[in-house]
Amino acid sequence: MAKLKLKRHVINRDWCKGCGICVHFCPQHVLELDDQDKVFAARPQDCVCCKLCELRCPDLAIEVETEEEMIWADR
C-alpha cells in the first residue's frame, strides 16, 4: 500500500492575493498568512497531503508536491 508523503509546498507569492481560503480549509493548520498577507507553510511537518489548499485556491497559487511512500501492513 502507498501513502503520500510531502516533498514541499510550492507557493507562487505573486499569484497569492491573501484571501485565506487555503488557511481556512487546511485540516492540520499547516498554512498561515504572513505580515504581507501571503500564505506560507508554517508547519509543513504536520501536512497530511490532502491537497485541500491546492484544490480550493481560486488563483492556483499553491501546489502540494508529494511522493509515494510504501507502507507495509503486518500480515
Protein backbone atom coordinates (compact mmCIF):
# COMPACT_ATOMS: atom_id res chain seq x y z
CA MET A 1 0.00 0.00 0.00
CA ALA A 2 1.27 3.51 -0.78
CA LYS A 3 0.82 6.67 1.26
CA LEU A 4 1.53 10.18 0.01
CA LYS A 5 4.48 11.91 1.63
CA LEU A 6 5.10 15.64 1.38
CA LYS A 7 8.02 16.82 -0.72
CA ARG A 8 7.27 20.53 -0.42
CA HIS A 9 4.66 23.26 -0.75
CA VAL A 10 5.15 25.36 -3.88
CA ILE A 11 3.62 28.79 -3.31
CA ASN A 12 3.56 31.45 -6.01
CA ARG A 13 3.60 34.61 -3.91
CA ASP A 14 2.93 36.77 -6.97
CA TRP A 15 -0.37 34.98 -7.56
CA CYS A 16 -1.43 34.78 -3.89
CA LYS A 17 -3.88 37.55 -3.02
CA GLY A 18 -4.06 36.65 0.67
CA CYS A 19 -7.70 35.59 0.71
CA GLY A 20 -7.00 32.92 3.36
CA ILE A 21 -9.19 30.23 1.79
CA CYS A 22 -6.32 27.72 1.87
CA VAL A 23 -5.63 28.57 5.52
CA HIS A 24 -9.28 28.03 6.40
CA PHE A 25 -9.58 24.64 4.68
CA CYS A 26 -6.30 23.14 5.98
CA PRO A 27 -7.36 20.46 8.49
CA GLN A 28 -3.92 20.40 10.18
CA HIS A 29 -3.41 24.19 10.43
CA VAL A 30 -0.23 23.97 8.36
CA LEU A 31 -0.74 27.23 6.49
CA GLU A 32 -0.75 30.81 7.76
CA LEU A 33 -0.70 34.29 6.27
CA ASP A 34 2.44 36.34 6.84
CA ASP A 35 2.70 40.07 7.57
CA GLN A 36 2.25 40.77 3.83
CA ASP A 37 -0.94 38.66 3.71
CA LYS A 38 0.75 35.96 1.66
CA VAL A 39 0.37 32.28 2.51
CA PHE A 40 3.28 30.20 3.79
CA ALA A 41 3.67 26.73 5.27
CA ALA A 42 4.20 27.43 8.96
CA ARG A 43 4.12 23.76 9.99
CA PRO A 44 4.95 21.62 6.92
CA GLN A 45 5.77 18.62 9.12
CA ASP A 46 2.06 18.43 10.04
CA CYS A 47 0.85 18.27 6.41
CA VAL A 48 -1.21 15.15 5.56
CA CYS A 49 -1.12 15.87 1.81
CA CYS A 50 -4.90 16.17 1.46
CA LYS A 51 -4.33 18.94 -1.11
CA LEU A 52 -7.41 20.87 0.00
CA CYS A 53 -5.36 24.07 -0.11
CA GLU A 54 -4.37 23.38 -3.71
CA LEU A 55 -7.92 22.47 -4.74
CA ARG A 56 -9.55 25.47 -3.04
CA CYS A 57 -7.11 28.21 -4.08
CA PRO A 58 -9.00 30.40 -6.57
CA ASP A 59 -5.73 31.74 -8.00
CA LEU A 60 -3.86 28.42 -8.37
CA ALA A 61 -1.11 29.89 -6.20
CA ILE A 62 -0.32 26.76 -4.19
CA GLU A 63 0.79 23.27 -5.13
CA VAL A 64 1.49 20.36 -2.82
CA GLU A 65 4.28 18.22 -4.23
CA THR A 66 4.20 14.64 -2.98
CA GLU A 67 5.92 11.32 -3.40
CA GLU A 68 4.61 7.86 -2.66
CA GLU A 69 5.86 6.13 0.45
CA MET A 70 5.40 2.39 0.73
CA ILE A 71 3.59 1.23 3.85
CA TRP A 72 3.88 -2.43 4.79
CA ALA A 73 0.98 -3.87 6.71
CA ASP A 74 1.54 -6.68 9.20
CA ARG A 75 0.16 -9.95 7.92
